[in-house]
Amino acid sequence: MSDSIISAHNLVKQFDGYCAVDGIDFSVQRGMCFGFLGPNGAGKTTTLRMILGLTPVTQGTLSVFGLSINDHACEVRARTGVVPQADNLDPDFSIEENLAMYARYYGINSADIPGRVDRLLDFASLRDRRKAKTETLSGGMQRRLTIARALVNDPEMVVLDEPTTGLDPQARHVIWARLAELKERGTTLLLTTHYMEEAERLCDELVIMDKGKILDRGSPEELIKRHVEPEVIELRGADSEVVSTLEATRQCRIEPMGTSHYCYTHDATKTLACIQTFHQLRYMHRPSGLEDVFLRLTGKELRD
């Protein structure tokens, strides 16, 4: 499609016989936030590395900006900003020096760099700290600076690998607001995250991957509607009597998870009435979300 910024068909990546990405197809439309969700080892980061031309494609076709990544990797990277999972700012430079040095890497005209740095400092709300060394910044400030640095070349697309991992809720919300601003400007965002709330807030579409394959694709709302009931009640410490009683009502689907049980239902009224007869039982009633979809499609076992 003419408005596709990325198009992949039968994309495969193998490492010494191990298939990290196994014949996936997807396209990303210009100006959207597109997410890759999956457990560790699902193939998300390998897919991003192929999109950036950092890992060669074993099989299939992959084009970015309408260009074959096999032949135009350098051009693709020149038009892309990257926010890595871990901050890799230069501790020897101040905030503004980090941005200015990165601008020089992209060959930006020296006369244009000061104005560009000022705009990025405003975007990251770091103008008053411009002379500070990066090691004096909080985790949220460092993350905002890393995102600002990824924008120094005015990219058409920004790749974000778990952009808010390890941040407190306040810092996470600030970064979500900045990413929403980028999307409003028409910048295409590629996102990997383990925060389901982050994916629900930011992503227009996403794929859920596991073992190198795409299990499903759609908007967060579409995936939730397709795979789980609209309401869920989380039970803490329910014994076999409680579970049997709830199963007998046939009003909900029960999924065990550790010491908890999740009761999925289209109408929680009768299930709640039954639960409330067990007076000491702890529970939480909420709408279903992407985390419920994620666990149903990928399973509940721990991944290393």
Protein backbone atom coordinates (compact mmCIF):
# COMPACT_ATOMS: atom_id res chain seq x y z
CA MET A 1 0.00 0.00 0.00
CA SER A 2 1.23 3.53 -0.82
CA ASP A 3 0.91 4.76 2.78
CA SER A 4 2.77 1.78 4.26
CA ILE A 5 6.04 2.87 5.82
CA ILE A 6 7.05 -0.76 6.53
CA SER A 7 6.05 -3.89 4.63
CA ALA A 8 7.22 -7.39 5.55
CA HIS A 9 6.30 -10.65 3.82
CA ASN A 10 7.34 -14.14 4.97
CA LEU A 11 10.09 -12.57 7.08
CA VAL A 12 12.51 -15.13 8.54
CA LYS A 13 15.62 -14.81 10.70
CA GLN A 14 17.71 -17.83 11.66
CA PHE A 15 20.78 -18.01 13.89
CA ASP A 16 22.81 -21.22 13.51
CA GLY A 17 19.70 -23.25 12.81
CA TYR A 18 17.57 -21.52 15.47
CA CYS A 19 14.56 -19.70 13.99
CA ALA A 20 14.13 -16.43 15.90
CA VAL A 21 11.55 -15.00 13.46
CA ASP A 22 9.46 -17.55 11.60
CA GLY A 23 7.74 -16.33 8.43
CA ILE A 24 5.84 -13.28 9.66
CA ASP A 25 3.82 -10.80 7.58
CA PHE A 26 2.92 -7.28 8.68
CA SER A 27 2.69 -3.71 7.43
CA VAL A 28 2.86 -0.42 9.30
CA GLN A 29 0.97 2.62 8.08
CA ARG A 30 2.57 6.05 8.14
CA GLY A 31 1.82 8.14 11.24
CA MET A 32 0.61 5.30 13.47
CA CYS A 33 2.03 3.81 16.66
CA PHE A 34 2.59 0.11 15.98
CA GLY A 35 3.42 -2.25 18.83
CA PHE A 36 5.23 -5.56 19.17
CA LEU A 37 4.19 -7.52 22.26
CA GLY A 38 5.47 -10.90 23.35
CA PRO A 39 7.34 -12.78 26.08
CA ASN A 40 11.12 -12.88 26.22
CA GLY A 41 12.49 -14.66 23.17
CA ALA A 42 9.40 -14.04 21.06
CA GLY A 43 11.37 -12.39 18.24
CA LYS A 44 10.43 -8.74 18.88
CA THR A 45 13.92 -7.25 19.14
CA THR A 46 15.19 -9.36 16.25
CA THR A 47 12.36 -7.99 14.10
CA LEU A 48 13.26 -4.43 15.06
CA ARG A 49 16.93 -5.06 14.25
CA MET A 50 15.96 -6.31 10.79
CA ILE A 51 13.81 -3.22 10.25
CA LEU A 52 16.85 -1.07 11.10
CA GLY A 53 19.15 -3.10 8.87
CA LEU A 54 21.29 -4.15 11.84
CA THR A 55 20.53 -7.86 11.40
CA PRO A 56 20.40 -9.34 7.89
CA VAL A 57 17.19 -10.98 6.71
CA THR A 58 17.50 -14.74 6.24
CA GLN A 59 14.43 -15.08 4.02
CA GLY A 60 11.45 -13.04 2.82
CA THR A 61 11.09 -9.41 1.84
CA LEU A 62 11.26 -6.31 4.02
CA SER A 63 10.92 -2.73 2.79
CA VAL A 64 11.09 0.47 4.85
CA PHE A 65 10.12 3.85 3.34
CA GLY A 66 9.51 1.89 0.14
CA LEU A 67 13.18 0.80 0.07
CA SER A 68 14.53 -2.74 0.31
CA ILE A 69 16.33 -2.97 3.65
CA ASN A 70 18.88 -5.30 2.06
CA ASP A 71 20.08 -2.53 -0.29
CA HIS A 72 19.29 0.70 1.57
CA ALA A 73 19.96 0.06 5.28
CA CYS A 74 22.07 3.20 5.73
CA GLU A 75 19.42 5.41 4.14
CA VAL A 76 16.72 3.85 6.32
CA ARG A 77 18.73 4.48 9.50
CA ALA A 78 19.39 8.08 8.44
CA ARG A 79 15.61 8.66 8.38
CA THR A 80 14.94 6.82 11.66
CA GLY A 81 15.39 7.64 15.35
CA VAL A 82 16.17 4.89 17.85
CA VAL A 83 15.45 4.79 21.59
CA PRO A 84 17.31 1.73 22.93
CA GLN A 85 16.14 -0.27 25.92
CA ALA A 86 19.02 1.02 28.08
CA ASP A 87 20.14 4.65 28.11
CA ASN A 88 23.60 5.05 26.55
CA LEU A 89 24.19 8.76 27.05
CA ASP A 90 27.77 10.06 27.19
CA PRO A 91 28.56 10.86 30.85
CA ASP A 92 31.45 13.16 29.88
CA PHE A 93 29.14 15.62 28.14
CA SER A 94 26.39 17.91 29.36
CA ILE A 95 22.82 17.51 28.20
CA GLU A 96 23.15 20.02 25.39
CA GLU A 97 26.52 18.60 24.37
CA ASN A 98 25.01 15.11 24.07
CA LEU A 99 22.41 16.47 21.67
CA ALA A 100 24.87 18.60 19.70
CA MET A 101 27.35 15.74 19.29
CA TYR A 102 24.59 13.43 18.04
CA ALA A 103 23.49 16.10 15.54
CA ARG A 104 27.05 16.19 14.17
CA TYR A 105 26.96 12.40 13.69
CA TYR A 106 24.01 12.97 11.33
CA GLY A 107 25.87 15.67 9.41
CA ILE A 108 23.50 18.46 10.40
CA ASN A 109 24.76 21.91 9.46
CA SER A 110 26.64 23.50 12.38
CA ALA A 111 24.62 26.72 12.07
CA ASP A 112 21.38 24.77 12.55
CA ILE A 113 22.48 22.77 15.60
CA PRO A 114 21.89 25.38 18.38
CA GLY A 115 18.30 26.01 17.34
CA ARG A 116 17.62 22.29 16.99
CA VAL A 117 19.10 21.60 20.43
CA ASP A 118 16.90 24.31 21.97
CA ARG A 119 13.77 22.80 20.43
CA LEU A 120 14.67 19.34 21.70
CA LEU A 121 15.42 20.65 25.19
CA ASP A 122 11.97 22.27 25.24
CA PHE A 123 10.38 19.04 24.01
CA ALA A 124 12.08 17.08 26.81
CA SER A 125 11.45 19.83 29.43
CA LEU A 126 15.20 19.98 30.13
CA ARG A 127 16.09 23.53 29.10
CA ASP A 128 16.86 24.57 32.69
CA ARG A 129 19.25 21.61 33.06
CA ARG A 130 21.07 22.03 29.75
CA LYS A 131 24.52 22.44 31.37
CA ALA A 132 24.11 19.46 33.71
CA LYS A 133 26.04 16.23 33.24
CA THR A 134 23.85 13.25 32.41
CA GLU A 135 24.94 11.35 35.53
CA THR A 136 23.17 13.98 37.69
CA LEU A 137 19.80 13.34 36.04
CA SER A 138 16.99 11.22 37.38
CA GLY A 139 15.96 8.11 35.47
CA GLY A 140 12.98 9.92 33.96
CA MET A 141 15.13 12.85 32.83
CA GLN A 142 17.68 10.53 31.24
CA ARG A 143 14.91 8.74 29.39
CA ARG A 144 13.46 12.04 28.11
CA LEU A 145 16.93 13.04 26.95
CA THR A 146 17.38 9.72 25.15
CA ILE A 147 14.06 10.24 23.35
CA ALA A 148 15.03 13.83 22.47
CA ARG A 149 18.37 12.58 21.11
CA ALA A 150 16.50 10.12 18.86
CA LEU A 151 14.72 13.12 17.29
CA VAL A 152 17.85 15.11 16.47
CA ASN A 153 17.72 14.09 12.78
CA ASP A 154 14.00 14.96 12.52
CA PRO A 155 13.15 11.30 11.77
CA GLU A 156 10.11 10.04 9.91
CA MET A 157 10.00 7.00 12.19
CA VAL A 158 11.12 6.38 15.78
CA VAL A 159 11.84 2.89 17.13
CA LEU A 160 11.33 2.57 20.90
CA ASP A 161 12.51 -0.57 22.69
CA GLU A 162 10.75 -0.65 26.09
CA PRO A 163 10.95 3.15 26.51
CA THR A 164 9.64 3.37 30.10
CA THR A 165 11.10 0.26 31.75
CA GLY A 166 12.14 0.98 35.33
CA LEU A 167 10.51 4.40 35.56
CA ASP A 168 8.09 5.57 38.25
CA PRO A 169 4.46 6.29 37.28
CA GLN A 170 4.95 10.08 37.07
CA ALA A 171 7.93 9.78 34.70
CA ARG A 172 6.09 7.18 32.63
CA HIS A 173 3.08 9.46 32.13
CA VAL A 174 5.32 12.37 31.08
CA ILE A 175 6.99 10.18 28.45
CA TRP A 176 3.62 8.89 27.23
CA ALA A 177 2.55 12.51 26.72
CA ARG A 178 5.72 13.24 24.72
CA LEU A 179 5.20 10.19 22.52
CA ALA A 180 1.58 11.18 21.92
CA GLU A 181 2.85 14.60 20.76
CA LEU A 182 5.17 12.90 18.27
CA LYS A 183 2.33 10.84 16.86
CA GLU A 184 0.16 13.94 16.50
CA ARG A 185 2.96 15.48 14.40
CA GLY A 186 2.75 12.52 12.02
CA THR A 187 5.83 10.62 13.23
CA THR A 188 5.52 6.85 12.92
CA LEU A 189 6.31 5.01 16.17
CA LEU A 190 7.42 1.39 16.56
CA LEU A 191 7.11 0.22 20.14
CA THR A 192 8.06 -2.84 22.15
CA THR A 193 6.91 -2.90 25.76
CA HIS A 194 6.05 -5.18 28.65
CA TYR A 195 3.63 -2.61 30.07
CA MET A 196 0.20 -3.51 28.75
CA GLU A 197 -1.24 -0.16 29.84
CA GLU A 198 1.44 1.54 27.75
CA ALA A 199 0.46 -0.47 24.68
CA GLU A 200 -3.24 0.22 25.23
CA ARG A 201 -2.63 3.97 25.58
CA LEU A 202 -0.21 4.44 22.68
CA CYS A 203 -0.71 1.77 20.04
CA ASP A 204 -3.10 2.14 17.12
CA GLU A 205 -2.30 -1.45 16.13
CA LEU A 206 -0.08 -4.16 17.50
CA VAL A 207 0.98 -7.73 16.98
CA ILE A 208 1.37 -10.35 19.69
CA MET A 209 4.35 -12.60 18.97
CA ASP A 210 5.56 -15.85 20.47
CA LYS A 211 8.27 -18.27 19.36
CA GLY A 212 8.99 -16.18 16.27
CA LYS A 213 5.41 -16.14 14.98
CA ILE A 214 2.63 -13.55 15.01
CA LEU A 215 -0.30 -14.95 16.99
CA ASP A 216 -2.70 -12.11 16.19
CA ARG A 217 -2.86 -8.49 15.08
CA GLY A 218 -5.28 -5.64 15.62
CA SER A 219 -6.04 -2.58 17.69
CA PRO A 220 -6.02 -3.09 21.48
CA GLU A 221 -9.81 -2.87 21.49
CA GLU A 222 -10.16 -5.44 18.69
CA LEU A 223 -7.82 -7.92 20.37
CA ILE A 224 -9.57 -7.63 23.73
CA LYS A 225 -12.98 -8.15 22.12
CA ARG A 226 -11.73 -11.08 20.05
CA HIS A 227 -10.02 -13.10 22.78
CA VAL A 228 -11.51 -12.40 26.22
CA GLU A 229 -14.83 -11.61 27.84
CA PRO A 230 -15.37 -7.91 28.65
CA GLU A 231 -15.22 -8.23 32.46
CA VAL A 232 -12.91 -10.05 34.83
CA ILE A 233 -12.94 -10.65 38.58
CA GLU A 234 -9.61 -11.46 40.21
CA LEU A 235 -9.92 -13.73 43.24
CA ARG A 236 -7.14 -13.94 45.83
CA GLY A 237 -6.72 -17.16 47.79
CA ALA A 238 -9.91 -18.87 46.59
CA ASP A 239 -10.09 -22.52 47.70
CA SER A 240 -11.52 -25.44 45.74
CA GLU A 241 -14.99 -24.93 47.26
CA VAL A 242 -15.18 -21.38 45.95
CA VAL A 243 -13.95 -22.41 42.50
CA SER A 244 -16.41 -25.32 42.30
CA THR A 245 -19.31 -23.10 43.36
CA LEU A 246 -18.46 -20.51 40.71
CA GLU A 247 -18.04 -23.14 38.01
CA ALA A 248 -21.47 -24.54 38.88
CA THR A 249 -23.10 -21.18 38.10
CA ARG A 250 -21.84 -21.36 34.49
CA GLN A 251 -21.64 -17.58 34.48
CA CYS A 252 -17.89 -17.25 34.04
CA ARG A 253 -14.71 -18.83 32.64
CA ILE A 254 -12.11 -19.39 35.35
CA GLU A 255 -8.36 -19.26 34.74
CA PRO A 256 -5.90 -20.07 37.57
CA MET A 257 -2.77 -17.93 37.95
CA GLY A 258 -0.50 -18.74 40.89
CA THR A 259 -2.56 -18.33 44.06
CA SER A 260 -5.21 -16.29 42.21
CA HIS A 261 -8.11 -17.16 39.95
CA TYR A 262 -9.43 -14.95 37.14
CA CYS A 263 -13.15 -15.16 36.41
CA TYR A 264 -13.96 -13.88 32.90
CA THR A 265 -17.58 -13.05 32.15
CA HIS A 266 -19.91 -11.10 29.87
CA ASP A 267 -21.99 -9.96 32.86
CA ALA A 268 -20.42 -9.95 36.31
CA THR A 269 -23.66 -9.39 38.25
CA LYS A 270 -24.41 -13.01 39.19
CA THR A 271 -20.76 -13.94 39.60
CA LEU A 272 -20.23 -11.05 42.04
CA ALA A 273 -23.35 -12.03 43.98
CA CYS A 274 -21.99 -15.56 44.33
CA ILE A 275 -18.53 -14.34 45.37
CA GLN A 276 -19.98 -12.02 48.01
CA THR A 277 -21.50 -14.99 49.85
CA PHE A 278 -17.93 -15.90 50.79
CA HIS A 279 -17.42 -13.00 53.20
CA GLN A 280 -13.65 -13.29 53.73
CA LEU A 281 -12.80 -13.63 50.04
CA ARG A 282 -10.66 -10.84 48.52
CA TYR A 283 -11.47 -9.88 44.94
CA MET A 284 -11.14 -7.09 42.37
CA HIS A 285 -13.61 -6.41 39.56
CA ARG A 286 -12.25 -4.66 36.44
CA PRO A 287 -12.62 -4.44 32.65
CA SER A 288 -10.57 -6.94 30.66
CA GLY A 289 -7.39 -5.62 29.07
CA LEU A 290 -4.44 -6.48 26.89
CA GLU A 291 -2.72 -8.34 29.71
CA ASP A 292 -5.57 -10.85 29.72
CA VAL A 293 -5.22 -11.29 25.95
CA PHE A 294 -1.45 -11.61 26.26
CA LEU A 295 -1.68 -14.37 28.88
CA ARG A 296 -4.37 -16.27 26.98
CA LEU A 297 -2.38 -16.29 23.73
CA THR A 298 1.14 -16.82 25.07
CA GLY A 299 0.49 -18.86 28.21
CA LYS A 300 1.31 -18.26 31.84
CA GLU A 301 4.67 -19.98 32.26
CA LEU A 302 7.69 -17.87 33.23
CA ARG A 303 10.04 -17.02 30.34
CA ASP A 304 13.76 -16.30 30.84
